[in-house]
Amino acid sequence: MIHHVTVLVFLKEGVLDTQGKAVLSVLLHAGHSDVRDVRIGKYIQLQIESPTREEALKQANAMCEDLLVNSIIEEYTVKLRGEEDA
């Protein structure tokens, strides 16, 4: 069975997000005075063949730890398609 997995990757709190700060500055100068912060991250879609949802999540987490995420400065969330936002 093919499982559709989404991985969202962001810099950890306390790590300077230079892209986010640059976008925030431009938005403020463009008149969007209500914006308070911008964080830029990565959105990764995976299609994983696995017998169960649990195994697909396990594989996705292993991929994040092995290659997709720099765990020193980044954090991530993994969701299967159809899961509700927590």
PDB file of N, CA and C in Angstrom:
ATOM      1  N   MET A   1       0.842  -1.180   0.000  1.00  0.00           N
ATOM      2  CA  MET A   1       0.000   0.000   0.000  1.00  0.00           C
ATOM      3  C   MET A   1       0.888   1.245   0.000  1.00  0.00           C
ATOM      4  N   ILE A   2       0.517   2.234  -0.791  1.00  0.00           N
ATOM      5  CA  ILE A   2       1.260   3.492  -0.859  1.00  0.00           C
ATOM      6  C   ILE A   2       0.673   4.468   0.160  1.00  0.00           C
ATOM      7  N   HIS A   3       1.536   5.027   0.980  1.00  0.00           N
ATOM      8  CA  HIS A   3       1.133   6.027   1.971  1.00  0.00           C
ATOM      9  C   HIS A   3       1.752   7.364   1.582  1.00  0.00           C
ATOM     10  N   HIS A   4       0.945   8.411   1.614  1.00  0.00           N
ATOM     11  CA  HIS A   4       1.401   9.752   1.294  1.00  0.00           C
ATOM     12  C   HIS A   4       1.774  10.448   2.598  1.00  0.00           C
ATOM     13  N   VAL A   5       3.043  10.865   2.678  1.00  0.00           N
ATOM     14  CA  VAL A   5       3.591  11.440   3.902  1.00  0.00           C
ATOM     15  C   VAL A   5       4.078  12.851   3.622  1.00  0.00           C
ATOM     16  N   THR A   6       3.787  13.760   4.551  1.00  0.00           N
ATOM     17  CA  THR A   6       4.268  15.135   4.475  1.00  0.00           C
ATOM     18  C   THR A   6       5.255  15.377   5.604  1.00  0.00           C
ATOM     19  N   VAL A   7       6.384  15.983   5.270  1.00  0.00           N
ATOM     20  CA  VAL A   7       7.378  16.359   6.263  1.00  0.00           C
ATOM     21  C   VAL A   7       7.532  17.872   6.210  1.00  0.00           C
ATOM     22  N   LEU A   8       7.383  18.530   7.363  1.00  0.00           N
ATOM     23  CA  LEU A   8       7.616  19.965   7.485  1.00  0.00           C
ATOM     24  C   LEU A   8       8.869  20.162   8.318  1.00  0.00           C
ATOM     25  N   VAL A   9       9.813  20.944   7.794  1.00  0.00           N
ATOM     26  CA  VAL A   9      11.094  21.159   8.463  1.00  0.00           C
ATOM     27  C   VAL A   9      11.265  22.653   8.706  1.00  0.00           C
ATOM     28  N   PHE A  10      11.606  23.008   9.948  1.00  0.00           N
ATOM     29  CA  PHE A  10      11.856  24.402  10.314  1.00  0.00           C
ATOM     30  C   PHE A  10      13.105  24.485  11.168  1.00  0.00           C
ATOM     31  N   LEU A  11      13.723  25.660  11.165  1.00  0.00           N
ATOM     32  CA  LEU A  11      14.846  25.889  12.061  1.00  0.00           C
ATOM     33  C   LEU A  11      14.351  25.849  13.498  1.00  0.00           C
ATOM     34  N   LYS A  12      15.172  25.333  14.383  1.00  0.00           N
ATOM     35  CA  LYS A  12      14.822  25.293  15.796  1.00  0.00           C
ATOM     36  C   LYS A  12      14.726  26.717  16.346  1.00  0.00           C
ATOM     37  N   GLU A  13      13.924  26.868  17.401  1.00  0.00           N
ATOM     38  CA  GLU A  13      13.848  28.157  18.083  1.00  0.00           C
ATOM     39  C   GLU A  13      15.250  28.544  18.523  1.00  0.00           C
ATOM     40  N   GLY A  14      15.578  29.809  18.361  1.00  0.00           N
ATOM     41  CA  GLY A  14      16.897  30.288  18.759  1.00  0.00           C
ATOM     42  C   GLY A  14      17.911  30.290  17.633  1.00  0.00           C
ATOM     43  N   VAL A  15      17.609  29.585  16.525  1.00  0.00           N
ATOM     44  CA  VAL A  15      18.495  29.595  15.359  1.00  0.00           C
ATOM     45  C   VAL A  15      18.024  30.719  14.442  1.00  0.00           C
ATOM     46  N   LEU A  16      18.935  31.602  14.065  1.00  0.00           N
ATOM     47  CA  LEU A  16      18.580  32.754  13.242  1.00  0.00           C
ATOM     48  C   LEU A  16      18.073  32.308  11.873  1.00  0.00           C
ATOM     49  N   ASP A  17      16.858  32.723  11.538  1.00  0.00           N
ATOM     50  CA  ASP A  17      16.234  32.426  10.251  1.00  0.00           C
ATOM     51  C   ASP A  17      16.402  33.666   9.377  1.00  0.00           C
ATOM     52  N   THR A  18      17.515  33.754   8.662  1.00  0.00           N
ATOM     53  CA  THR A  18      17.800  34.955   7.872  1.00  0.00           C
ATOM     54  C   THR A  18      16.791  35.152   6.745  1.00  0.00           C
ATOM     55  N   GLN A  19      16.331  34.067   6.131  1.00  0.00           N
ATOM     56  CA  GLN A  19      15.318  34.201   5.076  1.00  0.00           C
ATOM     57  C   GLN A  19      14.011  34.724   5.669  1.00  0.00           C
ATOM     58  N   GLY A  20      13.620  34.179   6.804  1.00  0.00           N
ATOM     59  CA  GLY A  20      12.401  34.645   7.455  1.00  0.00           C
ATOM     60  C   GLY A  20      12.474  36.105   7.828  1.00  0.00           C
ATOM     61  N   LYS A  21      13.617  36.539   8.344  1.00  0.00           N
ATOM     62  CA  LYS A  21      13.787  37.949   8.726  1.00  0.00           C
ATOM     63  C   LYS A  21      13.737  38.854   7.500  1.00  0.00           C
ATOM     64  N   ALA A  22      14.324  38.409   6.398  1.00  0.00           N
ATOM     65  CA  ALA A  22      14.295  39.213   5.168  1.00  0.00           C
ATOM     66  C   ALA A  22      12.865  39.350   4.650  1.00  0.00           C
ATOM     67  N   VAL A  23      12.108  38.257   4.650  1.00  0.00           N
ATOM     68  CA  VAL A  23      10.716  38.309   4.195  1.00  0.00           C
ATOM     69  C   VAL A  23       9.883  39.174   5.131  1.00  0.00           C
ATOM     70  N   LEU A  24      10.103  39.060   6.427  1.00  0.00           N
ATOM     71  CA  LEU A  24       9.395  39.906   7.396  1.00  0.00           C
ATOM     72  C   LEU A  24       9.643  41.375   7.112  1.00  0.00           C
ATOM     73  N   SER A  25      10.876  41.737   6.868  1.00  0.00           N
ATOM     74  CA  SER A  25      11.223  43.125   6.583  1.00  0.00           C
ATOM     75  C   SER A  25      10.501  43.644   5.337  1.00  0.00           C
ATOM     76  N   VAL A  26      10.485  42.857   4.290  1.00  0.00           N
ATOM     77  CA  VAL A  26       9.821  43.268   3.046  1.00  0.00           C
ATOM     78  C   VAL A  26       8.317  43.400   3.267  1.00  0.00           C
ATOM     79  N   LEU A  27       7.725  42.463   3.985  1.00  0.00           N
ATOM     80  CA  LEU A  27       6.285  42.536   4.252  1.00  0.00           C
ATOM     81  C   LEU A  27       5.942  43.793   5.049  1.00  0.00           C
ATOM     82  N   LEU A  28       6.745  44.096   6.061  1.00  0.00           N
ATOM     83  CA  LEU A  28       6.493  45.298   6.863  1.00  0.00           C
ATOM     84  C   LEU A  28       6.625  46.560   6.020  1.00  0.00           C
ATOM     85  N   HIS A  29       7.653  46.608   5.173  1.00  0.00           N
ATOM     86  CA  HIS A  29       7.838  47.770   4.308  1.00  0.00           C
ATOM     87  C   HIS A  29       6.749  47.877   3.242  1.00  0.00           C
ATOM     88  N   ALA A  30       6.088  46.769   2.928  1.00  0.00           N
ATOM     89  CA  ALA A  30       5.008  46.772   1.940  1.00  0.00           C
ATOM     90  C   ALA A  30       3.662  47.119   2.571  1.00  0.00           C
ATOM     91  N   GLY A  31       3.678  47.440   3.870  1.00  0.00           N
ATOM     92  CA  GLY A  31       2.456  47.877   4.520  1.00  0.00           C
ATOM     93  C   GLY A  31       1.715  46.804   5.293  1.00  0.00           C
ATOM     94  N   HIS A  32       2.266  45.634   5.418  1.00  0.00           N
ATOM     95  CA  HIS A  32       1.625  44.552   6.170  1.00  0.00           C
ATOM     96  C   HIS A  32       2.061  44.637   7.636  1.00  0.00           C
ATOM     97  N   SER A  33       1.536  45.638   8.321  1.00  0.00           N
ATOM     98  CA  SER A  33       2.018  45.960   9.669  1.00  0.00           C
ATOM     99  C   SER A  33       1.561  44.969  10.736  1.00  0.00           C
ATOM    100  N   ASP A  34       0.632  44.089  10.427  1.00  0.00           N
ATOM    101  CA  ASP A  34       0.146  43.136  11.425  1.00  0.00           C
ATOM    102  C   ASP A  34       1.020  41.887  11.549  1.00  0.00           C
ATOM    103  N   VAL A  35       1.879  41.636  10.586  1.00  0.00           N
ATOM    104  CA  VAL A  35       2.733  40.446  10.651  1.00  0.00           C
ATOM    105  C   VAL A  35       3.787  40.636  11.742  1.00  0.00           C
ATOM    106  N   ARG A  36       4.010  39.611  12.548  1.00  0.00           N
ATOM    107  CA  ARG A  36       4.942  39.704  13.678  1.00  0.00           C
ATOM    108  C   ARG A  36       6.185  38.852  13.495  1.00  0.00           C
ATOM    109  N   ASP A  37       6.078  37.770  12.733  1.00  0.00           N
ATOM    110  CA  ASP A  37       7.237  36.912  12.534  1.00  0.00           C
ATOM    111  C   ASP A  37       7.007  36.068  11.286  1.00  0.00           C
ATOM    112  N   VAL A  38       8.080  35.674  10.649  1.00  0.00           N
ATOM    113  CA  VAL A  38       8.033  34.804   9.481  1.00  0.00           C
ATOM    114  C   VAL A  38       9.117  33.751   9.661  1.00  0.00           C
ATOM    115  N   ARG A  39       8.747  32.507   9.455  1.00  0.00           N
ATOM    116  CA  ARG A  39       9.708  31.413   9.476  1.00  0.00           C
ATOM    117  C   ARG A  39       9.639  30.700   8.134  1.00  0.00           C
ATOM    118  N   ILE A  40      10.785  30.505   7.532  1.00  0.00           N
ATOM    119  CA  ILE A  40      10.885  29.824   6.248  1.00  0.00           C
ATOM    120  C   ILE A  40      11.368  28.404   6.517  1.00  0.00           C
ATOM    121  N   GLY A  41      10.726  27.433   5.881  1.00  0.00           N
ATOM    122  CA  GLY A  41      11.113  26.044   6.092  1.00  0.00           C
ATOM    123  C   GLY A  41      11.046  25.258   4.802  1.00  0.00           C
ATOM    124  N   LYS A  42      11.043  23.945   4.963  1.00  0.00           N
ATOM    125  CA  LYS A  42      10.969  23.036   3.823  1.00  0.00           C
ATOM    126  C   LYS A  42       9.702  22.190   3.943  1.00  0.00           C
ATOM    127  N   TYR A  43       9.090  21.922   2.802  1.00  0.00           N
ATOM    128  CA  TYR A  43       7.916  21.067   2.705  1.00  0.00           C
ATOM    129  C   TYR A  43       8.311  19.902   1.816  1.00  0.00           C
ATOM    130  N   ILE A  44       8.257  18.703   2.344  1.00  0.00           N
ATOM    131  CA  ILE A  44       8.686  17.520   1.604  1.00  0.00           C
ATOM    132  C   ILE A  44       7.522  16.540   1.540  1.00  0.00           C
ATOM    133  N   GLN A  45       7.224  16.051   0.337  1.00  0.00           N
ATOM    134  CA  GLN A  45       6.196  15.028   0.164  1.00  0.00           C
ATOM    135  C   GLN A  45       6.877  13.711  -0.184  1.00  0.00           C
ATOM    136  N   LEU A  46       6.470  12.668   0.519  1.00  0.00           N
ATOM    137  CA  LEU A  46       7.003  11.335   0.254  1.00  0.00           C
ATOM    138  C   LEU A  46       5.849  10.387  -0.054  1.00  0.00           C
ATOM    139  N   GLN A  47       6.086   9.465  -0.945  1.00  0.00           N
ATOM    140  CA  GLN A  47       5.163   8.346  -1.163  1.00  0.00           C
ATOM    141  C   GLN A  47       5.931   7.098  -0.759  1.00  0.00           C
ATOM    142  N   ILE A  48       5.451   6.440   0.283  1.00  0.00           N
ATOM    143  CA  ILE A  48       6.165   5.305   0.850  1.00  0.00           C
ATOM    144  C   ILE A  48       5.308   4.054   0.725  1.00  0.00           C
ATOM    145  N   GLU A  49       5.890   3.013   0.142  1.00  0.00           N
ATOM    146  CA  GLU A  49       5.185   1.739   0.062  1.00  0.00           C
ATOM    147  C   GLU A  49       5.464   0.975   1.349  1.00  0.00           C
ATOM    148  N   SER A  50       4.385   0.654   2.045  1.00  0.00           N
ATOM    149  CA  SER A  50       4.503   0.021   3.350  1.00  0.00           C
ATOM    150  C   SER A  50       3.199  -0.705   3.668  1.00  0.00           C
ATOM    151  N   PRO A  51       3.267  -1.805   4.408  1.00  0.00           N
ATOM    152  CA  PRO A  51       2.039  -2.543   4.729  1.00  0.00           C
ATOM    153  C   PRO A  51       1.127  -1.811   5.712  1.00  0.00           C
ATOM    154  N   THR A  52       1.692  -0.946   6.559  1.00  0.00           N
ATOM    155  CA  THR A  52       0.876  -0.254   7.562  1.00  0.00           C
ATOM    156  C   THR A  52       1.240   1.225   7.629  1.00  0.00           C
ATOM    157  N   ARG A  53       0.317   2.000   8.188  1.00  0.00           N
ATOM    158  CA  ARG A  53       0.571   3.436   8.415  1.00  0.00           C
ATOM    159  C   ARG A  53       1.725   3.626   9.398  1.00  0.00           C
ATOM    160  N   GLU A  54       1.764   2.796  10.418  1.00  0.00           N
ATOM    161  CA  GLU A  54       2.808   2.904  11.436  1.00  0.00           C
ATOM    162  C   GLU A  54       4.188   2.676  10.835  1.00  0.00           C
ATOM    163  N   GLU A  55       4.284   1.692   9.963  1.00  0.00           N
ATOM    164  CA  GLU A  55       5.565   1.408   9.309  1.00  0.00           C
ATOM    165  C   GLU A  55       5.962   2.556   8.379  1.00  0.00           C
ATOM    166  N   ALA A  56       5.007   3.144   7.686  1.00  0.00           N
ATOM    167  CA  ALA A  56       5.297   4.295   6.817  1.00  0.00           C
ATOM    168  C   ALA A  56       5.834   5.459   7.643  1.00  0.00           C
ATOM    169  N   LEU A  57       5.226   5.720   8.793  1.00  0.00           N
ATOM    170  CA  LEU A  57       5.724   6.780   9.676  1.00  0.00           C
ATOM    171  C   LEU A  57       7.125   6.471  10.176  1.00  0.00           C
ATOM    172  N   LYS A  58       7.367   5.238  10.526  1.00  0.00           N
ATOM    173  CA  LYS A  58       8.685   4.824  11.003  1.00  0.00           C
ATOM    174  C   LYS A  58       9.738   5.042   9.912  1.00  0.00           C
ATOM    175  N   GLN A  59       9.400   4.663   8.686  1.00  0.00           N
ATOM    176  CA  GLN A  59      10.326   4.853   7.564  1.00  0.00           C
ATOM    177  C   GLN A  59      10.575   6.340   7.300  1.00  0.00           C
ATOM    178  N   ALA A  60       9.516   7.151   7.341  1.00  0.00           N
ATOM    179  CA  ALA A  60       9.663   8.588   7.102  1.00  0.00           C
ATOM    180  C   ALA A  60      10.552   9.227   8.161  1.00  0.00           C
ATOM    181  N   ASN A  61      10.355   8.849   9.417  1.00  0.00           N
ATOM    182  CA  ASN A  61      11.201   9.388  10.484  1.00  0.00           C
ATOM    183  C   ASN A  61      12.664   8.975  10.283  1.00  0.00           C
ATOM    184  N   ALA A  62      12.897   7.750   9.861  1.00  0.00           N
ATOM    185  CA  ALA A  62      14.260   7.298   9.600  1.00  0.00           C
ATOM    186  C   ALA A  62      14.891   8.100   8.461  1.00  0.00           C
ATOM    187  N   MET A  63      14.110   8.410   7.418  1.00  0.00           N
ATOM    188  CA  MET A  63      14.612   9.211   6.301  1.00  0.00           C
ATOM    189  C   MET A  63      14.981  10.610   6.769  1.00  0.00           C
ATOM    190  N   CYS A  64      14.165  11.167   7.651  1.00  0.00           N
ATOM    191  CA  CYS A  64      14.455  12.501   8.189  1.00  0.00           C
ATOM    192  C   CYS A  64      15.762  12.488   8.969  1.00  0.00           C
ATOM    193  N   GLU A  65      15.921  11.496   9.829  1.00  0.00           N
ATOM    194  CA  GLU A  65      17.131  11.403  10.654  1.00  0.00           C
ATOM    195  C   GLU A  65      18.369  11.126   9.806  1.00  0.00           C
ATOM    196  N   ASP A  66      18.218  10.327   8.740  1.00  0.00           N
ATOM    197  CA  ASP A  66      19.361   9.948   7.909  1.00  0.00           C
ATOM    198  C   ASP A  66      19.798  11.037   6.939  1.00  0.00           C
ATOM    199  N   LEU A  67      18.845  11.802   6.391  1.00  0.00           N
ATOM    200  CA  LEU A  67      19.208  12.698   5.288  1.00  0.00           C
ATOM    201  C   LEU A  67      18.439  14.016   5.242  1.00  0.00           C
ATOM    202  N   LEU A  68      17.149  13.985   5.474  1.00  0.00           N
ATOM    203  CA  LEU A  68      16.307  15.138   5.148  1.00  0.00           C
ATOM    204  C   LEU A  68      16.410  16.297   6.137  1.00  0.00           C
ATOM    205  N   VAL A  69      16.834  16.028   7.365  1.00  0.00           N
ATOM    206  CA  VAL A  69      16.835  17.056   8.414  1.00  0.00           C
ATOM    207  C   VAL A  69      18.209  17.136   9.064  1.00  0.00           C
ATOM    208  N   ASN A  70      18.689  18.359   9.248  1.00  0.00           N
ATOM    209  CA  ASN A  70      19.904  18.590  10.024  1.00  0.00           C
ATOM    210  C   ASN A  70      19.469  18.762  11.473  1.00  0.00           C
ATOM    211  N   SER A  71      19.536  17.701  12.242  1.00  0.00           N
ATOM    212  CA  SER A  71      18.968  17.704  13.594  1.00  0.00           C
ATOM    213  C   SER A  71      19.676  18.655  14.555  1.00  0.00           C
ATOM    214  N   ILE A  72      20.824  19.178  14.179  1.00  0.00           N
ATOM    215  CA  ILE A  72      21.518  20.142  15.029  1.00  0.00           C
ATOM    216  C   ILE A  72      20.774  21.474  15.037  1.00  0.00           C
ATOM    217  N   ILE A  73      20.256  21.884  13.883  1.00  0.00           N
ATOM    218  CA  ILE A  73      19.617  23.200  13.792  1.00  0.00           C
ATOM    219  C   ILE A  73      18.159  23.158  13.351  1.00  0.00           C
ATOM    220  N   GLU A  74      17.661  21.982  12.941  1.00  0.00           N
ATOM    221  CA  GLU A  74      16.294  21.894  12.431  1.00  0.00           C
ATOM    222  C   GLU A  74      15.455  20.925  13.257  1.00  0.00           C
ATOM    223  N   GLU A  75      14.136  21.161  13.218  1.00  0.00           N
ATOM    224  CA  GLU A  75      13.163  20.241  13.791  1.00  0.00           C
ATOM    225  C   GLU A  75      12.137  19.937  12.710  1.00  0.00           C
ATOM    226  N   TYR A  76      11.388  18.858  12.899  1.00  0.00           N
ATOM    227  CA  TYR A  76      10.458  18.460  11.840  1.00  0.00           C
ATOM    228  C   TYR A  76       9.222  17.798  12.418  1.00  0.00           C
ATOM    229  N   THR A  77       8.184  17.768  11.585  1.00  0.00           N
ATOM    230  CA  THR A  77       6.983  17.003  11.892  1.00  0.00           C
ATOM    231  C   THR A  77       6.669  16.129  10.680  1.00  0.00           C
ATOM    232  N   VAL A  78       6.134  14.955  10.960  1.00  0.00           N
ATOM    233  CA  VAL A  78       5.762  14.012   9.908  1.00  0.00           C
ATOM    234  C   VAL A  78       4.279  13.725  10.062  1.00  0.00           C
ATOM    235  N   LYS A  79       3.525  13.816   8.953  1.00  0.00           N
ATOM    236  CA  LYS A  79       2.094  13.519   8.966  1.00  0.00           C
ATOM    237  C   LYS A  79       1.733  12.671   7.771  1.00  0.00           C
ATOM    238  N   LEU A  80       0.838  11.754   7.997  1.00  0.00           N
ATOM    239  CA  LEU A  80       0.248  10.982   6.903  1.00  0.00           C
ATOM    240  C   LEU A  80      -0.944  11.738   6.355  1.00  0.00           C
ATOM    241  N   ARG A  81      -1.175  11.653   5.055  1.00  0.00           N
ATOM    242  CA  ARG A  81      -2.329  12.309   4.455  1.00  0.00           C
ATOM    243  C   ARG A  81      -3.582  11.813   5.154  1.00  0.00           C
ATOM    244  N   GLY A  82      -4.462  12.747   5.481  1.00  0.00           N
ATOM    245  CA  GLY A  82      -5.707  12.389   6.150  1.00  0.00           C
ATOM    246  C   GLY A  82      -5.667  12.578   7.643  1.00  0.00           C
ATOM    247  N   GLU A  83      -4.472  12.804   8.217  1.00  0.00           N
ATOM    248  CA  GLU A  83      -4.402  13.051   9.660  1.00  0.00           C
ATOM    249  C   GLU A  83      -4.869  14.478   9.943  1.00  0.00           C
ATOM    250  N   GLU A  84      -5.578  14.638  11.019  1.00  0.00           N
ATOM    251  CA  GLU A  84      -6.037  15.962  11.435  1.00  0.00           C
ATOM    252  C   GLU A  84      -4.880  16.718  12.068  1.00  0.00           C
ATOM    253  N   ASP A  85      -4.909  18.039  11.930  1.00  0.00           N
ATOM    254  CA  ASP A  85      -3.910  18.865  12.607  1.00  0.00           C
ATOM    255  C   ASP A  85      -4.119  18.770  14.103  1.00  0.00           C
ATOM    256  N   ALA A  86      -3.032  18.606  14.815  1.00  0.00           N
ATOM    257  CA  ALA A  86      -3.121  18.506  16.281  1.00  0.00           C
ATOM    258  C   ALA A  86      -3.035  19.873  16.916  1.00  0.00           C
TER     259      ALA A  86
END
